[in-house]
Amino acid sequence: MKIGALLLLVCALVPSVAGASQLRARVSVVQTASAFAVQGASFKSRERVTVTVTAESTRTKTVKANLRGAFTATFAGFTVPRCEGYSVRAKGNRGSVATLKVIPECPPPRKS
């Protein structure tokens, strides 16, 4: 009986430990005015990541994730106007990939 309870406990813990080490890479936008800034998380440790931002134009920057797999990429002089959509793609050289597409819901212009 004790072996069965121990086996159940081990089986219950293994998926949570395995899942914690396999978090999916993700990106988020932290700033769109004055400079466009992107943060990434759950990339592989010290992975080289190419970040591409597309709005009216496209910009690309390569950054290196830290030991925890996080990074920040800032695109100076690149801004996205209010109510304009954009996309972000971050692709690591060790297989991590994350994308984000933003399509804002803006009211139609008012008629005078």
C-alpha atoms as a PDB file:
ATOM      1  CA  MET A   1       0.000   0.000   0.000  1.00  0.00           C
ATOM      2  CA  LYS A   2       2.817   2.414   0.846  1.00  0.00           C
ATOM      3  CA  ILE A   3       4.502   1.708  -2.499  1.00  0.00           C
ATOM      4  CA  GLY A   4       1.274   2.482  -4.357  1.00  0.00           C
ATOM      5  CA  ALA A   5       0.863   5.802  -2.515  1.00  0.00           C
ATOM      6  CA  LEU A   6       4.488   6.705  -3.201  1.00  0.00           C
ATOM      7  CA  LEU A   7       4.097   5.826  -6.884  1.00  0.00           C
ATOM      8  CA  LEU A   8       0.972   8.016  -7.107  1.00  0.00           C
ATOM      9  CA  LEU A   9       2.838  10.923  -5.514  1.00  0.00           C
ATOM     10  CA  VAL A  10       5.764  10.578  -7.926  1.00  0.00           C
ATOM     11  CA  CYS A  11       3.429  10.401 -10.940  1.00  0.00           C
ATOM     12  CA  ALA A  12       1.615  13.508  -9.761  1.00  0.00           C
ATOM     13  CA  LEU A  13       4.833  15.516  -9.409  1.00  0.00           C
ATOM     14  CA  VAL A  14       6.613  14.488 -12.625  1.00  0.00           C
ATOM     15  CA  PRO A  15       4.295  16.279 -15.113  1.00  0.00           C
ATOM     16  CA  SER A  16       4.503  19.555 -13.181  1.00  0.00           C
ATOM     17  CA  VAL A  17       8.311  19.470 -13.070  1.00  0.00           C
ATOM     18  CA  ALA A  18       8.544  18.578 -16.775  1.00  0.00           C
ATOM     19  CA  GLY A  19       6.061  21.305 -17.693  1.00  0.00           C
ATOM     20  CA  ALA A  20       7.989  23.919 -15.740  1.00  0.00           C
ATOM     21  CA  SER A  21      11.125  23.315 -17.779  1.00  0.00           C
ATOM     22  CA  GLN A  22       9.262  23.464 -21.088  1.00  0.00           C
ATOM     23  CA  LEU A  23       7.577  26.855 -20.864  1.00  0.00           C
ATOM     24  CA  ARG A  24       6.666  28.300 -24.232  1.00  0.00           C
ATOM     25  CA  ALA A  25       8.650  31.329 -25.371  1.00  0.00           C
ATOM     26  CA  ARG A  26       6.644  34.553 -25.397  1.00  0.00           C
ATOM     27  CA  VAL A  27       6.995  38.218 -26.278  1.00  0.00           C
ATOM     28  CA  SER A  28       5.204  41.330 -25.112  1.00  0.00           C
ATOM     29  CA  VAL A  29       5.363  44.968 -26.126  1.00  0.00           C
ATOM     30  CA  VAL A  30       6.194  47.320 -23.278  1.00  0.00           C
ATOM     31  CA  GLN A  31       6.388  50.602 -25.203  1.00  0.00           C
ATOM     32  CA  THR A  32       5.188  51.885 -28.586  1.00  0.00           C
ATOM     33  CA  ALA A  33       5.798  55.642 -28.301  1.00  0.00           C
ATOM     34  CA  SER A  34       9.191  57.420 -28.469  1.00  0.00           C
ATOM     35  CA  ALA A  35      10.852  54.023 -28.968  1.00  0.00           C
ATOM     36  CA  PHE A  36       9.372  50.576 -29.556  1.00  0.00           C
ATOM     37  CA  ALA A  37      10.365  48.092 -26.832  1.00  0.00           C
ATOM     38  CA  VAL A  38       9.801  44.329 -26.742  1.00  0.00           C
ATOM     39  CA  GLN A  39      10.378  41.946 -23.839  1.00  0.00           C
ATOM     40  CA  GLY A  40      10.856  38.224 -24.250  1.00  0.00           C
ATOM     41  CA  ALA A  41      10.614  35.422 -21.707  1.00  0.00           C
ATOM     42  CA  SER A  42      11.071  31.638 -21.562  1.00  0.00           C
ATOM     43  CA  PHE A  43      13.637  31.535 -24.353  1.00  0.00           C
ATOM     44  CA  LYS A  44      16.595  29.211 -23.943  1.00  0.00           C
ATOM     45  CA  SER A  45      19.358  30.422 -21.664  1.00  0.00           C
ATOM     46  CA  ARG A  46      21.787  32.748 -23.470  1.00  0.00           C
ATOM     47  CA  GLU A  47      20.057  32.127 -26.791  1.00  0.00           C
ATOM     48  CA  ARG A  48      20.703  34.646 -29.588  1.00  0.00           C
ATOM     49  CA  VAL A  49      17.292  36.005 -30.600  1.00  0.00           C
ATOM     50  CA  THR A  50      16.396  37.909 -33.770  1.00  0.00           C
ATOM     51  CA  VAL A  51      13.462  40.234 -33.106  1.00  0.00           C
ATOM     52  CA  THR A  52      11.511  41.573 -36.095  1.00  0.00           C
ATOM     53  CA  VAL A  53       8.871  44.283 -35.734  1.00  0.00           C
ATOM     54  CA  THR A  54       6.560  45.109 -38.643  1.00  0.00           C
ATOM     55  CA  ALA A  55       4.174  48.064 -38.834  1.00  0.00           C
ATOM     56  CA  GLU A  56       4.373  50.622 -41.655  1.00  0.00           C
ATOM     57  CA  SER A  57       7.984  49.494 -42.013  1.00  0.00           C
ATOM     58  CA  THR A  58      10.065  46.600 -40.701  1.00  0.00           C
ATOM     59  CA  ARG A  59      12.935  46.672 -38.234  1.00  0.00           C
ATOM     60  CA  THR A  60      15.139  43.816 -37.059  1.00  0.00           C
ATOM     61  CA  LYS A  61      17.465  43.549 -34.095  1.00  0.00           C
ATOM     62  CA  THR A  62      19.466  40.670 -32.612  1.00  0.00           C
ATOM     63  CA  VAL A  63      19.764  40.389 -28.828  1.00  0.00           C
ATOM     64  CA  LYS A  64      20.991  37.752 -26.408  1.00  0.00           C
ATOM     65  CA  ALA A  65      18.719  36.234 -23.782  1.00  0.00           C
ATOM     66  CA  ASN A  66      20.040  36.182 -20.232  1.00  0.00           C
ATOM     67  CA  LEU A  67      20.518  33.064 -18.081  1.00  0.00           C
ATOM     68  CA  ARG A  68      16.779  32.927 -17.390  1.00  0.00           C
ATOM     69  CA  GLY A  69      15.887  33.262 -21.083  1.00  0.00           C
ATOM     70  CA  ALA A  70      14.642  36.858 -20.868  1.00  0.00           C
ATOM     71  CA  PHE A  71      15.573  39.848 -23.014  1.00  0.00           C
ATOM     72  CA  THR A  72      14.556  43.374 -23.932  1.00  0.00           C
ATOM     73  CA  ALA A  73      14.920  44.767 -27.449  1.00  0.00           C
ATOM     74  CA  THR A  74      14.492  48.514 -27.936  1.00  0.00           C
ATOM     75  CA  PHE A  75      14.052  50.030 -31.385  1.00  0.00           C
ATOM     76  CA  ALA A  76      15.053  53.693 -31.062  1.00  0.00           C
ATOM     77  CA  GLY A  77      13.327  56.002 -33.525  1.00  0.00           C
ATOM     78  CA  PHE A  78      10.691  53.387 -34.379  1.00  0.00           C
ATOM     79  CA  THR A  79       7.167  54.178 -33.197  1.00  0.00           C
ATOM     80  CA  VAL A  80       3.729  52.811 -33.963  1.00  0.00           C
ATOM     81  CA  PRO A  81       0.945  55.375 -34.307  1.00  0.00           C
ATOM     82  CA  ARG A  82      -2.231  54.956 -32.298  1.00  0.00           C
ATOM     83  CA  CYS A  83      -4.770  52.628 -33.939  1.00  0.00           C
ATOM     84  CA  GLU A  84      -2.195  50.996 -36.214  1.00  0.00           C
ATOM     85  CA  GLY A  85      -1.603  47.271 -36.137  1.00  0.00           C
ATOM     86  CA  TYR A  86       1.807  45.674 -35.817  1.00  0.00           C
ATOM     87  CA  SER A  87       3.441  42.285 -35.445  1.00  0.00           C
ATOM     88  CA  VAL A  88       6.465  41.017 -33.544  1.00  0.00           C
ATOM     89  CA  ARG A  89       8.416  37.832 -34.218  1.00  0.00           C
ATOM     90  CA  ALA A  90      11.284  36.632 -32.034  1.00  0.00           C
ATOM     91  CA  LYS A  91      13.255  33.634 -33.277  1.00  0.00           C
ATOM     92  CA  GLY A  92      16.127  32.150 -31.316  1.00  0.00           C
ATOM     93  CA  ASN A  93      19.113  30.358 -32.795  1.00  0.00           C
ATOM     94  CA  ARG A  94      18.383  27.329 -30.582  1.00  0.00           C
ATOM     95  CA  GLY A  95      14.766  26.822 -31.638  1.00  0.00           C
ATOM     96  CA  SER A  96      12.665  29.170 -29.511  1.00  0.00           C
ATOM     97  CA  VAL A  97      10.015  31.131 -31.410  1.00  0.00           C
ATOM     98  CA  ALA A  98       7.375  33.590 -30.242  1.00  0.00           C
ATOM     99  CA  THR A  99       5.025  35.805 -32.216  1.00  0.00           C
ATOM    100  CA  LEU A 100       2.580  38.553 -31.398  1.00  0.00           C
ATOM    101  CA  LYS A 101       0.110  40.257 -33.707  1.00  0.00           C
ATOM    102  CA  VAL A 102      -1.827  43.321 -32.571  1.00  0.00           C
ATOM    103  CA  ILE A 103      -4.875  44.550 -34.476  1.00  0.00           C
ATOM    104  CA  PRO A 104      -6.339  47.447 -32.493  1.00  0.00           C
ATOM    105  CA  GLU A 105     -10.049  48.125 -32.397  1.00  0.00           C
ATOM    106  CA  CYS A 106     -10.415  51.816 -33.082  1.00  0.00           C
ATOM    107  CA  PRO A 107     -13.630  53.741 -33.639  1.00  0.00           C
ATOM    108  CA  PRO A 108     -14.222  55.038 -37.160  1.00  0.00           C
ATOM    109  CA  PRO A 109     -13.447  58.729 -37.720  1.00  0.00           C
ATOM    110  CA  ARG A 110     -16.276  61.080 -36.801  1.00  0.00           C
ATOM    111  CA  LYS A 111     -18.149  62.783 -39.593  1.00  0.00           C
ATOM    112  CA  SER A 112     -18.178  66.569 -39.348  1.00  0.00           C
END
